[in-house]
């Protein structure tokens, strides 16, 4: 039976509730110096604000080696009443030092993912509920192919869904050719992130035809000139018969973007974007995108 693997244990898909399907409570990278999400009190306040706006669950896509603070997630979930899903996986090479990558290349990357999915992250006892990997800008380099091959191996061993960071929303065809074609991952086990950043309707429809999940995440960012096109893109997919493949997320990656630090943060998804999309799609479909689809996308028949 399919279950969503939260930091407090496995639950039925329908128990997840209104969900931010792609976000970050904690994240650190050498590519974002001085902008780390590493404040426990701020993370708790952000979850509390999200809960007050009607949110019930957050899927944290922060992968291995980027400051997930997995040990803190169960208590955050209990304290705020927000269900949390944690990720394993590996981001682009630039987010890691050479010593970290050297150590990982010397061992079994798929084995690490499987261990974090089934046994727990380090000594925390917290099990990951998805595998996060990343492509490059319109391409897949050797690092991306290595991590995706390991993710596919871990998926076949566990059933875990695979979430993919598409750099600036590009590269979906190459990702699907590799993951779903060459590596045999079913399309409905793949979540493609950041499609709002590259509003190409042909690519988006081709991705939807593969059966994968399409995540429109990271709204409200000043440098994303394509954000205003998102309602139109989502409506076009729904009208083409792919309304049941859509997900929404906030993707807060730097401290200044949190609502408690002056940014739009997680509550923006429910406070503003939900109503904007309802005007295009109808409140019923938007409600399903937020409440029903994440449970289906992140549930697995765990092995």
Protein backbone atom coordinates (compact mmCIF):
# COMPACT_ATOMS: atom_id res chain seq x y z
CA UNK A 1 0.00 0.00 0.00
CA UNK A 2 1.31 3.45 -0.94
CA UNK A 3 2.52 5.71 1.87
CA UNK A 4 4.14 9.13 2.13
CA UNK A 5 7.31 8.88 4.23
CA UNK A 6 7.33 11.85 6.62
CA UNK A 7 9.92 12.61 9.28
CA UNK A 8 7.46 11.27 11.89
CA UNK A 9 6.70 8.08 9.97
CA UNK A 10 4.67 6.84 7.03
CA UNK A 11 1.15 8.14 6.41
CA UNK A 12 -1.57 7.54 3.86
CA UNK A 13 -1.47 9.94 0.86
CA UNK A 14 -4.77 11.57 1.79
CA UNK A 15 -3.40 12.44 5.25
CA UNK A 16 -0.79 14.84 3.86
CA UNK A 17 -3.23 17.73 3.45
CA UNK A 18 -2.59 21.14 1.88
CA UNK A 19 1.03 20.83 0.81
CA UNK A 20 3.88 23.05 -0.34
CA UNK A 21 5.35 20.42 -2.68
CA UNK A 22 8.82 22.00 -2.98
CA UNK A 23 10.44 24.14 -0.35
CA UNK A 24 13.37 24.44 2.05
CA UNK A 25 13.53 24.99 5.78
CA UNK A 26 17.30 24.59 5.89
CA UNK A 27 19.84 24.97 3.10
CA UNK A 28 23.46 26.01 2.75
CA UNK A 29 25.75 26.17 -0.27
CA UNK A 30 29.08 27.75 -1.21
CA UNK A 31 27.18 29.24 -4.16
CA UNK A 32 25.00 31.22 -1.73
CA UNK A 33 27.47 32.62 0.81
CA UNK A 34 25.91 34.51 3.69
CA UNK A 35 22.37 33.58 2.65
CA UNK A 36 22.07 30.25 4.44
CA UNK A 37 18.81 28.91 5.80
CA UNK A 38 20.17 27.70 9.13
CA UNK A 39 18.10 29.42 11.82
CA UNK A 40 15.97 26.95 13.77
CA UNK A 41 13.75 29.63 15.32
CA UNK A 42 13.11 31.21 11.90
CA UNK A 43 12.24 27.82 10.42
CA UNK A 44 9.73 27.23 13.20
CA UNK A 45 8.22 30.69 12.72
CA UNK A 46 7.94 30.15 8.96
CA UNK A 47 6.15 26.83 9.45
CA UNK A 48 3.82 28.47 11.98
CA UNK A 49 2.98 31.21 9.46
CA UNK A 50 2.37 28.59 6.77
CA UNK A 51 0.10 26.67 9.12
CA UNK A 52 -1.85 29.84 9.93
CA UNK A 53 -2.40 30.38 6.19
CA UNK A 54 -3.97 26.93 5.89
CA UNK A 55 -0.91 24.78 5.15
CA UNK A 56 -0.57 21.25 6.48
CA UNK A 57 2.60 19.81 4.90
CA UNK A 58 5.93 20.82 3.36
CA UNK A 59 8.25 18.71 1.21
CA UNK A 60 11.83 19.84 1.86
CA UNK A 61 13.97 19.18 -1.23
CA UNK A 62 17.31 19.91 0.50
CA UNK A 63 19.54 16.92 -0.35
CA UNK A 64 22.64 15.37 1.18
CA UNK A 65 25.45 17.71 2.24
CA UNK A 66 23.51 20.98 2.09
CA UNK A 67 22.56 21.51 5.72
CA UNK A 68 19.29 19.56 5.96
CA UNK A 69 19.35 19.49 9.78
CA UNK A 70 17.38 16.27 9.67
CA UNK A 71 17.66 15.81 13.43
CA UNK A 72 15.65 19.00 14.00
CA UNK A 73 12.80 18.15 11.63
CA UNK A 74 10.73 15.80 13.83
CA UNK A 75 10.45 18.31 16.66
CA UNK A 76 9.67 21.11 14.20
CA UNK A 77 6.87 18.99 12.80
CA UNK A 78 5.46 18.20 16.25
CA UNK A 79 5.72 21.80 17.45
CA UNK A 80 4.02 23.38 14.43
CA UNK A 81 1.60 20.64 13.39
CA UNK A 82 3.01 20.70 9.84
CA UNK A 83 3.93 17.36 8.30
CA UNK A 84 7.43 17.34 6.81
CA UNK A 85 9.02 15.17 4.13
CA UNK A 86 12.83 15.14 3.95
CA UNK A 87 15.05 14.41 0.93
CA UNK A 88 18.13 12.41 0.19
CA UNK A 89 19.94 12.85 -3.11
CA UNK A 90 22.65 15.13 -4.48
CA UNK A 91 22.56 18.56 -6.12
CA UNK A 92 24.83 19.98 -8.83
CA UNK A 93 28.57 19.60 -8.26
CA UNK A 94 29.04 23.31 -7.59
CA UNK A 95 27.17 23.04 -4.29
CA UNK A 96 29.86 20.78 -2.78
CA UNK A 97 33.54 20.91 -1.99
CA UNK A 98 35.90 18.58 -3.87
CA UNK A 99 36.54 16.49 -0.75
CA UNK A 100 32.84 15.70 -0.37
CA UNK A 101 32.46 14.70 -4.00
CA UNK A 102 35.67 12.68 -3.90
CA UNK A 103 34.43 10.73 -0.90
CA UNK A 104 31.06 10.06 -2.51
CA UNK A 105 32.60 8.98 -5.80
CA UNK A 106 34.74 6.51 -3.91
CA UNK A 107 31.71 4.81 -2.39
CA UNK A 108 28.29 3.65 -3.46
CA UNK A 109 26.06 6.68 -4.04
CA UNK A 110 22.95 4.58 -4.65
CA UNK A 111 23.65 2.73 -1.41
CA UNK A 112 23.78 6.03 0.47
CA UNK A 113 20.41 7.03 -0.97
CA UNK A 114 18.88 3.66 -0.10
CA UNK A 115 20.23 3.81 3.45
CA UNK A 116 18.81 7.30 4.02
CA UNK A 117 15.45 6.23 2.60
CA UNK A 118 15.10 3.00 4.55
CA UNK A 119 17.30 3.19 7.67
CA UNK A 120 17.67 6.89 8.36
CA UNK A 121 19.90 9.92 7.83
CA UNK A 122 23.04 9.42 9.87
CA UNK A 123 22.11 8.66 13.46
CA UNK A 124 18.93 10.76 13.44
CA UNK A 125 16.50 7.94 12.69
CA UNK A 126 14.77 10.28 10.24
CA UNK A 127 14.08 8.53 6.94
CA UNK A 128 14.05 10.47 3.69
CA UNK A 129 10.89 10.37 1.60
CA UNK A 130 12.28 11.32 -1.82
CA UNK A 131 15.48 11.52 -3.86
CA UNK A 132 16.49 14.97 -5.13
CA UNK A 133 18.86 15.33 -8.11
CA UNK A 134 19.62 18.13 -10.56
CA UNK A 135 20.32 18.79 -14.21
CA UNK A 136 22.25 21.61 -15.84
CA UNK A 137 21.22 24.43 -18.15
CA UNK A 138 19.81 22.68 -21.23
CA UNK A 139 22.14 19.73 -20.64
CA UNK A 140 23.18 16.86 -18.40
CA UNK A 141 26.85 16.76 -17.49
CA UNK A 142 28.72 13.72 -16.17
CA UNK A 143 27.88 14.64 -12.57
CA UNK A 144 24.15 14.83 -13.32
CA UNK A 145 24.21 11.51 -15.14
CA UNK A 146 26.06 9.88 -12.24
CA UNK A 147 23.62 11.17 -9.64
CA UNK A 148 20.58 10.30 -11.74
CA UNK A 149 21.84 6.79 -12.35
CA UNK A 150 22.27 6.37 -8.59
CA UNK A 151 18.80 7.84 -8.00
CA UNK A 152 17.26 5.40 -10.47
CA UNK A 153 19.03 2.48 -8.79
CA UNK A 154 17.76 3.64 -5.40
CA UNK A 155 14.25 4.09 -6.80
CA UNK A 156 14.22 0.52 -8.14
CA UNK A 157 15.37 -0.74 -4.73
CA UNK A 158 12.89 1.25 -2.64
CA UNK A 159 10.10 2.71 -4.78
CA UNK A 160 11.05 6.26 -3.78
CA UNK A 161 9.99 9.18 -6.01
CA UNK A 162 12.71 11.20 -7.73
CA UNK A 163 12.49 15.01 -7.72
CA UNK A 164 14.57 16.87 -10.29
CA UNK A 165 15.88 20.43 -10.14
CA UNK A 166 15.71 21.69 -13.73
CA UNK A 167 18.24 24.50 -14.07
CA UNK A 168 16.22 27.58 -15.04
CA UNK A 169 13.46 25.14 -15.97
CA UNK A 170 15.42 23.63 -18.88
CA UNK A 171 16.53 20.15 -19.86
CA UNK A 172 13.34 18.21 -19.18
CA UNK A 173 13.55 16.11 -22.39
CA UNK A 174 17.11 14.99 -21.58
CA UNK A 175 16.15 14.18 -17.99
CA UNK A 176 13.19 12.08 -19.10
CA UNK A 177 15.20 10.33 -21.82
CA UNK A 178 17.72 9.30 -19.17
CA UNK A 179 15.55 8.56 -16.14
CA UNK A 180 12.45 7.14 -17.81
CA UNK A 181 14.01 5.86 -21.02
CA UNK A 182 17.49 4.51 -20.36
CA UNK A 183 17.12 3.89 -16.63
CA UNK A 184 13.55 2.60 -16.57
CA UNK A 185 11.99 4.85 -13.93
CA UNK A 186 8.19 5.12 -14.44
CA UNK A 187 7.11 8.61 -15.40
CA UNK A 188 4.75 8.96 -12.46
CA UNK A 189 7.69 8.47 -10.08
CA UNK A 190 9.46 11.59 -11.42
CA UNK A 191 8.74 15.18 -10.31
CA UNK A 192 10.18 17.91 -12.53
CA UNK A 193 10.81 21.17 -10.70
CA UNK A 194 11.01 24.81 -11.85
CA UNK A 195 8.96 24.49 -15.02
CA UNK A 196 7.66 28.03 -14.49
CA UNK A 197 11.17 29.34 -15.18
CA UNK A 198 11.16 28.17 -18.81
CA UNK A 199 7.61 28.75 -20.09
CA UNK A 200 7.85 26.69 -23.26
CA UNK A 201 4.40 25.13 -23.77
CA UNK A 202 5.71 22.46 -26.16
CA UNK A 203 8.31 21.18 -23.68
CA UNK A 204 5.83 21.32 -20.82
CA UNK A 205 3.25 19.32 -22.75
CA UNK A 206 5.84 16.75 -23.83
CA UNK A 207 6.89 16.37 -20.20
CA UNK A 208 3.28 15.91 -19.15
CA UNK A 209 2.78 13.25 -21.82
CA UNK A 210 5.53 11.20 -20.18
CA UNK A 211 3.30 10.80 -17.13
CA UNK A 212 5.63 12.69 -14.80
CA UNK A 213 4.63 15.36 -12.28
CA UNK A 214 5.10 19.00 -13.23
CA UNK A 215 6.08 21.29 -10.35
CA UNK A 216 5.52 25.01 -10.72
CA UNK A 217 7.53 26.40 -7.83
CA UNK A 218 9.38 29.49 -6.72
CA UNK A 219 6.78 32.17 -7.45
CA UNK A 220 7.20 35.81 -6.46
CA UNK A 221 10.94 36.04 -7.18
CA UNK A 222 12.02 39.42 -8.50
CA UNK A 223 14.44 37.94 -11.06
CA UNK A 224 11.89 35.52 -12.55
CA UNK A 225 10.30 37.54 -15.29
CA UNK A 226 8.35 34.45 -16.36
CA UNK A 227 6.32 34.13 -13.16
CA UNK A 228 3.41 36.15 -14.52
CA UNK A 229 3.00 33.50 -17.24
CA UNK A 230 2.53 30.65 -14.80
CA UNK A 231 -1.29 30.82 -14.51
CA UNK A 232 -1.60 30.75 -18.28
CA UNK A 233 0.81 27.81 -18.58
CA UNK A 234 -0.97 25.84 -15.88
CA UNK A 235 -4.34 26.52 -17.50
CA UNK A 236 -3.05 25.35 -20.88
CA UNK A 237 -1.87 22.07 -19.37
CA UNK A 238 -5.17 21.57 -17.59
CA UNK A 239 -7.14 22.25 -20.77
CA UNK A 240 -4.94 19.73 -22.62
CA UNK A 241 -5.95 17.07 -20.09
CA UNK A 242 -2.95 17.21 -17.76
CA UNK A 243 -4.53 18.96 -14.80
CA UNK A 244 -3.97 15.82 -12.70
CA UNK A 245 -0.14 16.04 -13.07
CA UNK A 246 0.44 19.46 -11.47
CA UNK A 247 2.15 20.48 -8.22
CA UNK A 248 2.82 23.85 -6.55
CA UNK A 249 5.66 24.91 -4.29
CA UNK A 250 7.39 27.96 -2.87
CA UNK A 251 11.09 26.96 -3.12
CA UNK A 252 12.45 29.34 -0.48
CA UNK A 253 16.25 29.01 -0.78
CA UNK A 254 17.72 32.08 0.97
CA UNK A 255 17.02 33.63 4.35
CA UNK A 256 15.73 36.93 2.97
CA UNK A 257 12.97 35.12 1.08
CA UNK A 258 11.27 33.81 4.25
CA UNK A 259 8.10 35.59 5.24
CA UNK A 260 9.43 36.04 8.78
CA UNK A 261 12.49 37.81 7.32
CA UNK A 262 10.55 40.19 5.10
CA UNK A 263 10.06 38.03 2.00
CA UNK A 264 6.98 36.28 0.60
CA UNK A 265 8.01 32.88 1.97
CA UNK A 266 5.89 29.78 2.30
CA UNK A 267 2.59 31.56 3.11
CA UNK A 268 2.63 33.35 -0.27
CA UNK A 269 1.66 30.07 -1.93
CA UNK A 270 -1.66 30.05 -0.07
CA UNK A 271 -2.11 33.75 0.67
CA UNK A 272 -1.74 35.00 -2.92
CA UNK A 273 -0.90 32.38 -5.53
CA UNK A 274 -3.77 30.05 -4.67
CA UNK A 275 -6.35 32.76 -5.37
CA UNK A 276 -4.59 33.92 -8.55
CA UNK A 277 -4.61 30.38 -9.93
CA UNK A 278 -8.20 29.76 -8.85
CA UNK A 279 -9.26 32.62 -11.11
CA UNK A 280 -7.71 30.74 -14.06
CA UNK A 281 -8.41 27.11 -13.18
CA UNK A 282 -11.27 27.16 -10.71
CA UNK A 283 -11.01 26.63 -6.98
CA UNK A 284 -11.76 22.90 -7.24
CA UNK A 285 -8.73 22.03 -9.39
CA UNK A 286 -6.43 24.30 -7.39
CA UNK A 287 -7.64 22.61 -4.22
CA UNK A 288 -6.76 19.20 -5.68
CA UNK A 289 -3.34 20.43 -6.82
CA UNK A 290 -2.57 21.56 -3.29
CA UNK A 291 -4.25 18.80 -1.27
CA UNK A 292 -4.54 15.64 -3.37
CA UNK A 293 -1.73 15.68 -5.90
CA UNK A 294 1.24 15.88 -3.48
CA UNK A 295 0.05 12.80 -1.63
CA UNK A 296 -0.05 10.87 -4.89
CA UNK A 297 3.25 12.25 -6.16
CA UNK A 298 5.29 11.53 -3.05
CA UNK A 299 3.65 8.29 -1.97
CA UNK A 300 5.42 5.01 -2.65
CA UNK A 301 4.98 1.32 -2.05
CA UNK A 302 8.14 1.25 0.04
CA UNK A 303 10.42 -1.73 -0.26
